[in-house]
Amino acid sequence: MTRGNQRETDRAKAQKKAAANAKKPKESQATLQARREKDAEILREKQKKKEQEKAAAATSGGGK
């Protein structure tokens, strides 16, 4: 259980933070979709690199 005015100060802090976040512009669907596509491409590249490393390790004897 909170003591003293901690609850009120925490509430005021949360309201201030929410007000600051409300001022930020929201992403449009187009930029959001473009970011998702970019992130997906990066993940695909990482997976491809990981698979190549696994294949190289398998051919070289597993490394153990």
PDB file of N, CA and C in Angstrom:
ATOM      1  N   MET A   1       0.845  -1.177   0.000  1.00  0.00           N
ATOM      2  CA  MET A   1       0.000   0.000   0.000  1.00  0.00           C
ATOM      3  C   MET A   1       0.890   1.239   0.000  1.00  0.00           C
ATOM      4  N   THR A   2       0.499   2.225  -0.796  1.00  0.00           N
ATOM      5  CA  THR A   2       1.310   3.432  -0.885  1.00  0.00           C
ATOM      6  C   THR A   2       1.111   4.284   0.356  1.00  0.00           C
ATOM      7  N   ARG A   3       2.113   5.059   0.642  1.00  0.00           N
ATOM      8  CA  ARG A   3       2.072   5.890   1.843  1.00  0.00           C
ATOM      9  C   ARG A   3       2.063   7.360   1.469  1.00  0.00           C
ATOM     10  N   GLY A   4       1.443   8.156   2.302  1.00  0.00           N
ATOM     11  CA  GLY A   4       1.471   9.597   2.142  1.00  0.00           C
ATOM     12  C   GLY A   4       0.909  10.039   0.807  1.00  0.00           C
ATOM     13  N   ASN A   5       1.620  10.956   0.179  1.00  0.00           N
ATOM     14  CA  ASN A   5       1.124  11.501  -1.087  1.00  0.00           C
ATOM     15  C   ASN A   5       1.762  10.815  -2.295  1.00  0.00           C
ATOM     16  N   GLN A   6       2.338   9.656  -2.094  1.00  0.00           N
ATOM     17  CA  GLN A   6       3.006   8.963  -3.196  1.00  0.00           C
ATOM     18  C   GLN A   6       2.025   8.630  -4.316  1.00  0.00           C
ATOM     19  N   ARG A   7       0.822   8.234  -3.949  1.00  0.00           N
ATOM     20  CA  ARG A   7      -0.179   7.898  -4.957  1.00  0.00           C
ATOM     21  C   ARG A   7      -0.499   9.111  -5.819  1.00  0.00           C
ATOM     22  N   GLU A   8      -0.671  10.262  -5.181  1.00  0.00           N
ATOM     23  CA  GLU A   8      -0.992  11.476  -5.930  1.00  0.00           C
ATOM     24  C   GLU A   8       0.162  11.907  -6.817  1.00  0.00           C
ATOM     25  N   THR A   9       1.379  11.807  -6.308  1.00  0.00           N
ATOM     26  CA  THR A   9       2.532  12.201  -7.126  1.00  0.00           C
ATOM     27  C   THR A   9       2.713  11.241  -8.305  1.00  0.00           C
ATOM     28  N   ASP A  10       2.494   9.954  -8.078  1.00  0.00           N
ATOM     29  CA  ASP A  10       2.587   8.982  -9.165  1.00  0.00           C
ATOM     30  C   ASP A  10       1.503   9.233 -10.212  1.00  0.00           C
ATOM     31  N   ARG A  11       0.313   9.567  -9.757  1.00  0.00           N
ATOM     32  CA  ARG A  11      -0.783   9.855 -10.683  1.00  0.00           C
ATOM     33  C   ARG A  11      -0.463  11.087 -11.519  1.00  0.00           C
ATOM     34  N   ALA A  12       0.059  12.126 -10.875  1.00  0.00           N
ATOM     35  CA  ALA A  12       0.422  13.348 -11.600  1.00  0.00           C
ATOM     36  C   ALA A  12       1.532  13.069 -12.611  1.00  0.00           C
ATOM     37  N   LYS A  13       2.489  12.260 -12.221  1.00  0.00           N
ATOM     38  CA  LYS A  13       3.592  11.897 -13.113  1.00  0.00           C
ATOM     39  C   LYS A  13       3.070  11.130 -14.326  1.00  0.00           C
ATOM     40  N   ALA A  14       2.144  10.211 -14.102  1.00  0.00           N
ATOM     41  CA  ALA A  14       1.567   9.424 -15.190  1.00  0.00           C
ATOM     42  C   ALA A  14       0.764  10.318 -16.134  1.00  0.00           C
ATOM     43  N   GLN A  15       0.028  11.277 -15.586  1.00  0.00           N
ATOM     44  CA  GLN A  15      -0.744  12.186 -16.423  1.00  0.00           C
ATOM     45  C   GLN A  15       0.169  13.050 -17.277  1.00  0.00           C
ATOM     46  N   LYS A  16       1.269  13.495 -16.699  1.00  0.00           N
ATOM     47  CA  LYS A  16       2.227  14.320 -17.425  1.00  0.00           C
ATOM     48  C   LYS A  16       2.854  13.509 -18.570  1.00  0.00           C
ATOM     49  N   LYS A  17       3.178  12.261 -18.293  1.00  0.00           N
ATOM     50  CA  LYS A  17       3.766  11.387 -19.311  1.00  0.00           C
ATOM     51  C   LYS A  17       2.767  11.115 -20.432  1.00  0.00           C
ATOM     52  N   ALA A  18       1.496  10.885 -20.066  1.00  0.00           N
ATOM     53  CA  ALA A  18       0.458  10.627 -21.066  1.00  0.00           C
ATOM     54  C   ALA A  18       0.225  11.862 -21.933  1.00  0.00           C
ATOM     55  N   ALA A  19       0.279  13.027 -21.334  1.00  0.00           N
ATOM     56  CA  ALA A  19       0.089  14.259 -22.092  1.00  0.00           C
ATOM     57  C   ALA A  19       1.244  14.466 -23.070  1.00  0.00           C
ATOM     58  N   ALA A  20       2.450  14.129 -22.671  1.00  0.00           N
ATOM     59  CA  ALA A  20       3.606  14.265 -23.555  1.00  0.00           C
ATOM     60  C   ALA A  20       3.501  13.292 -24.726  1.00  0.00           C
ATOM     61  N   ASN A  21       3.016  12.079 -24.462  1.00  0.00           N
ATOM     62  CA  ASN A  21       2.860  11.095 -25.531  1.00  0.00           C
ATOM     63  C   ASN A  21       1.730  11.463 -26.480  1.00  0.00           C
ATOM     64  N   ALA A  22       0.712  12.155 -25.990  1.00  0.00           N
ATOM     65  CA  ALA A  22      -0.419  12.532 -26.820  1.00  0.00           C
ATOM     66  C   ALA A  22      -0.015  13.589 -27.845  1.00  0.00           C
ATOM     67  N   LYS A  23       1.014  14.363 -27.565  1.00  0.00           N
ATOM     68  CA  LYS A  23       1.451  15.420 -28.470  1.00  0.00           C
ATOM     69  C   LYS A  23       2.232  14.872 -29.655  1.00  0.00           C
ATOM     70  N   LYS A  24       2.773  13.670 -29.528  1.00  0.00           N
ATOM     71  CA  LYS A  24       3.570  13.090 -30.601  1.00  0.00           C
ATOM     72  C   LYS A  24       2.662  12.697 -31.759  1.00  0.00           C
ATOM     73  N   PRO A  25       3.108  12.949 -32.990  1.00  0.00           N
ATOM     74  CA  PRO A  25       2.280  12.544 -34.132  1.00  0.00           C
ATOM     75  C   PRO A  25       2.292  11.027 -34.291  1.00  0.00           C
ATOM     76  N   LYS A  26       1.154  10.500 -34.672  1.00  0.00           N
ATOM     77  CA  LYS A  26       1.051   9.058 -34.862  1.00  0.00           C
ATOM     78  C   LYS A  26       1.542   8.706 -36.255  1.00  0.00           C
ATOM     79  N   GLU A  27       2.048   7.476 -36.390  1.00  0.00           N
ATOM     80  CA  GLU A  27       2.529   7.026 -37.690  1.00  0.00           C
ATOM     81  C   GLU A  27       1.358   6.770 -38.622  1.00  0.00           C
ATOM     82  N   SER A  28       1.536   7.109 -39.873  1.00  0.00           N
ATOM     83  CA  SER A  28       0.492   6.815 -40.851  1.00  0.00           C
ATOM     84  C   SER A  28       0.581   5.353 -41.245  1.00  0.00           C
ATOM     85  N   GLN A  29      -0.462   4.839 -41.850  1.00  0.00           N
ATOM     86  CA  GLN A  29      -0.478   3.433 -42.272  1.00  0.00           C
ATOM     87  C   GLN A  29       0.636   3.161 -43.268  1.00  0.00           C
ATOM     88  N   ALA A  30       0.907   4.122 -44.157  1.00  0.00           N
ATOM     89  CA  ALA A  30       1.924   3.917 -45.187  1.00  0.00           C
ATOM     90  C   ALA A  30       3.309   3.776 -44.558  1.00  0.00           C
ATOM     91  N   THR A  31       3.649   4.639 -43.629  1.00  0.00           N
ATOM     92  CA  THR A  31       4.973   4.552 -43.014  1.00  0.00           C
ATOM     93  C   THR A  31       5.067   3.333 -42.121  1.00  0.00           C
ATOM     94  N   LEU A  32       3.968   2.982 -41.486  1.00  0.00           N
ATOM     95  CA  LEU A  32       3.962   1.792 -40.635  1.00  0.00           C
ATOM     96  C   LEU A  32       4.182   0.537 -41.476  1.00  0.00           C
ATOM     97  N   GLN A  33       3.508   0.456 -42.608  1.00  0.00           N
ATOM     98  CA  GLN A  33       3.660  -0.693 -43.503  1.00  0.00           C
ATOM     99  C   GLN A  33       5.083  -0.752 -44.065  1.00  0.00           C
ATOM    100  N   ALA A  34       5.633   0.401 -44.421  1.00  0.00           N
ATOM    101  CA  ALA A  34       6.995   0.434 -44.955  1.00  0.00           C
ATOM    102  C   ALA A  34       7.990  -0.029 -43.897  1.00  0.00           C
ATOM    103  N   ARG A  35       7.791   0.391 -42.660  1.00  0.00           N
ATOM    104  CA  ARG A  35       8.691  -0.028 -41.583  1.00  0.00           C
ATOM    105  C   ARG A  35       8.592  -1.528 -41.345  1.00  0.00           C
ATOM    106  N   ARG A  36       7.373  -2.061 -41.395  1.00  0.00           N
ATOM    107  CA  ARG A  36       7.192  -3.508 -41.214  1.00  0.00           C
ATOM    108  C   ARG A  36       7.910  -4.287 -42.309  1.00  0.00           C
ATOM    109  N   GLU A  37       7.777  -3.816 -43.549  1.00  0.00           N
ATOM    110  CA  GLU A  37       8.436  -4.485 -44.668  1.00  0.00           C
ATOM    111  C   GLU A  37       9.957  -4.432 -44.509  1.00  0.00           C
ATOM    112  N   LYS A  38      10.457  -3.292 -44.093  1.00  0.00           N
ATOM    113  CA  LYS A  38      11.901  -3.128 -43.890  1.00  0.00           C
ATOM    114  C   LYS A  38      12.394  -4.064 -42.785  1.00  0.00           C
ATOM    115  N   ASP A  39      11.652  -4.125 -41.693  1.00  0.00           N
ATOM    116  CA  ASP A  39      12.026  -5.014 -40.585  1.00  0.00           C
ATOM    117  C   ASP A  39      11.980  -6.479 -41.007  1.00  0.00           C
ATOM    118  N   ALA A  40      10.970  -6.833 -41.797  1.00  0.00           N
ATOM    119  CA  ALA A  40      10.856  -8.209 -42.266  1.00  0.00           C
ATOM    120  C   ALA A  40      12.032  -8.568 -43.162  1.00  0.00           C
ATOM    121  N   GLU A  41      12.444  -7.641 -44.014  1.00  0.00           N
ATOM    122  CA  GLU A  41      13.581  -7.888 -44.898  1.00  0.00           C
ATOM    123  C   GLU A  41      14.864  -8.084 -44.081  1.00  0.00           C
ATOM    124  N   ILE A  42      15.038  -7.287 -43.049  1.00  0.00           N
ATOM    125  CA  ILE A  42      16.215  -7.426 -42.184  1.00  0.00           C
ATOM    126  C   ILE A  42      16.218  -8.791 -41.508  1.00  0.00           C
ATOM    127  N   LEU A  43      15.057  -9.229 -41.021  1.00  0.00           N
ATOM    128  CA  LEU A  43      14.970 -10.539 -40.376  1.00  0.00           C
ATOM    129  C   LEU A  43      15.250 -11.666 -41.362  1.00  0.00           C
ATOM    130  N   ARG A  44      14.750 -11.530 -42.594  1.00  0.00           N
ATOM    131  CA  ARG A  44      15.030 -12.548 -43.604  1.00  0.00           C
ATOM    132  C   ARG A  44      16.531 -12.639 -43.883  1.00  0.00           C
ATOM    133  N   GLU A  45      17.191 -11.496 -43.949  1.00  0.00           N
ATOM    134  CA  GLU A  45      18.644 -11.478 -44.175  1.00  0.00           C
ATOM    135  C   GLU A  45      19.378 -12.157 -43.024  1.00  0.00           C
ATOM    136  N   LYS A  46      18.947 -11.892 -41.807  1.00  0.00           N
ATOM    137  CA  LYS A  46      19.566 -12.522 -40.638  1.00  0.00           C
ATOM    138  C   LYS A  46      19.390 -14.029 -40.670  1.00  0.00           C
ATOM    139  N   GLN A  47      18.182 -14.480 -41.018  1.00  0.00           N
ATOM    140  CA  GLN A  47      17.917 -15.913 -41.092  1.00  0.00           C
ATOM    141  C   GLN A  47      18.764 -16.567 -42.171  1.00  0.00           C
ATOM    142  N   LYS A  48      18.881 -15.900 -43.301  1.00  0.00           N
ATOM    143  CA  LYS A  48      19.685 -16.432 -44.400  1.00  0.00           C
ATOM    144  C   LYS A  48      21.148 -16.563 -43.969  1.00  0.00           C
ATOM    145  N   LYS A  49      21.657 -15.549 -43.282  1.00  0.00           N
ATOM    146  CA  LYS A  49      23.043 -15.575 -42.812  1.00  0.00           C
ATOM    147  C   LYS A  49      23.243 -16.705 -41.799  1.00  0.00           C
ATOM    148  N   LYS A  50      22.283 -16.876 -40.905  1.00  0.00           N
ATOM    149  CA  LYS A  50      22.366 -17.926 -39.891  1.00  0.00           C
ATOM    150  C   LYS A  50      22.371 -19.311 -40.535  1.00  0.00           C
ATOM    151  N   GLU A  51      21.520 -19.499 -41.547  1.00  0.00           N
ATOM    152  CA  GLU A  51      21.479 -20.776 -42.248  1.00  0.00           C
ATOM    153  C   GLU A  51      22.798 -21.058 -42.959  1.00  0.00           C
ATOM    154  N   GLN A  52      23.402 -20.028 -43.531  1.00  0.00           N
ATOM    155  CA  GLN A  52      24.688 -20.192 -44.199  1.00  0.00           C
ATOM    156  C   GLN A  52      25.773 -20.574 -43.199  1.00  0.00           C
ATOM    157  N   GLU A  53      25.734 -19.965 -42.021  1.00  0.00           N
ATOM    158  CA  GLU A  53      26.706 -20.290 -40.981  1.00  0.00           C
ATOM    159  C   GLU A  53      26.529 -21.737 -40.520  1.00  0.00           C
ATOM    160  N   LYS A  54      25.277 -22.178 -40.376  1.00  0.00           N
ATOM    161  CA  LYS A  54      25.014 -23.561 -39.980  1.00  0.00           C
ATOM    162  C   LYS A  54      25.519 -24.534 -41.036  1.00  0.00           C
ATOM    163  N   ALA A  55      25.283 -24.197 -42.302  1.00  0.00           N
ATOM    164  CA  ALA A  55      25.728 -25.066 -43.384  1.00  0.00           C
ATOM    165  C   ALA A  55      27.257 -25.129 -43.429  1.00  0.00           C
ATOM    166  N   ALA A  56      27.911 -24.011 -43.188  1.00  0.00           N
ATOM    167  CA  ALA A  56      29.361 -23.973 -43.185  1.00  0.00           C
ATOM    168  C   ALA A  56      29.908 -24.752 -42.010  1.00  0.00           C
ATOM    169  N   ALA A  57      29.268 -24.687 -40.875  1.00  0.00           N
ATOM    170  CA  ALA A  57      29.703 -25.424 -39.702  1.00  0.00           C
ATOM    171  C   ALA A  57      29.507 -26.927 -39.896  1.00  0.00           C
ATOM    172  N   ALA A  58      28.432 -27.297 -40.570  1.00  0.00           N
ATOM    173  CA  ALA A  58      28.150 -28.722 -40.821  1.00  0.00           C
ATOM    174  C   ALA A  58      29.180 -29.299 -41.783  1.00  0.00           C
ATOM    175  N   THR A  59      29.591 -28.516 -42.767  1.00  0.00           N
ATOM    176  CA  THR A  59      30.570 -29.018 -43.741  1.00  0.00           C
ATOM    177  C   THR A  59      31.966 -29.065 -43.160  1.00  0.00           C
ATOM    178  N   SER A  60      32.239 -28.174 -42.209  1.00  0.00           N
ATOM    179  CA  SER A  60      33.594 -28.151 -41.644  1.00  0.00           C
ATOM    180  C   SER A  60      33.749 -29.104 -40.474  1.00  0.00           C
ATOM    181  N   GLY A  61      32.741 -29.856 -40.136  1.00  0.00           N
ATOM    182  CA  GLY A  61      32.867 -30.854 -39.089  1.00  0.00           C
ATOM    183  C   GLY A  61      32.160 -30.494 -37.809  1.00  0.00           C
ATOM    184  N   GLY A  62      31.360 -29.478 -37.793  1.00  0.00           N
ATOM    185  CA  GLY A  62      30.568 -29.158 -36.623  1.00  0.00           C
ATOM    186  C   GLY A  62      31.281 -28.322 -35.584  1.00  0.00           C
ATOM    187  N   GLY A  63      32.572 -28.157 -35.652  1.00  0.00           N
ATOM    188  CA  GLY A  63      33.286 -27.292 -34.724  1.00  0.00           C
ATOM    189  C   GLY A  63      33.561 -27.895 -33.367  1.00  0.00           C
ATOM    190  N   LYS A  64      33.302 -29.194 -33.161  1.00  0.00           N
ATOM    191  CA  LYS A  64      33.558 -29.782 -31.852  1.00  0.00           C
ATOM    192  C   LYS A  64      34.694 -30.736 -31.906  1.00  0.00           C
TER     193      LYS A  64
END
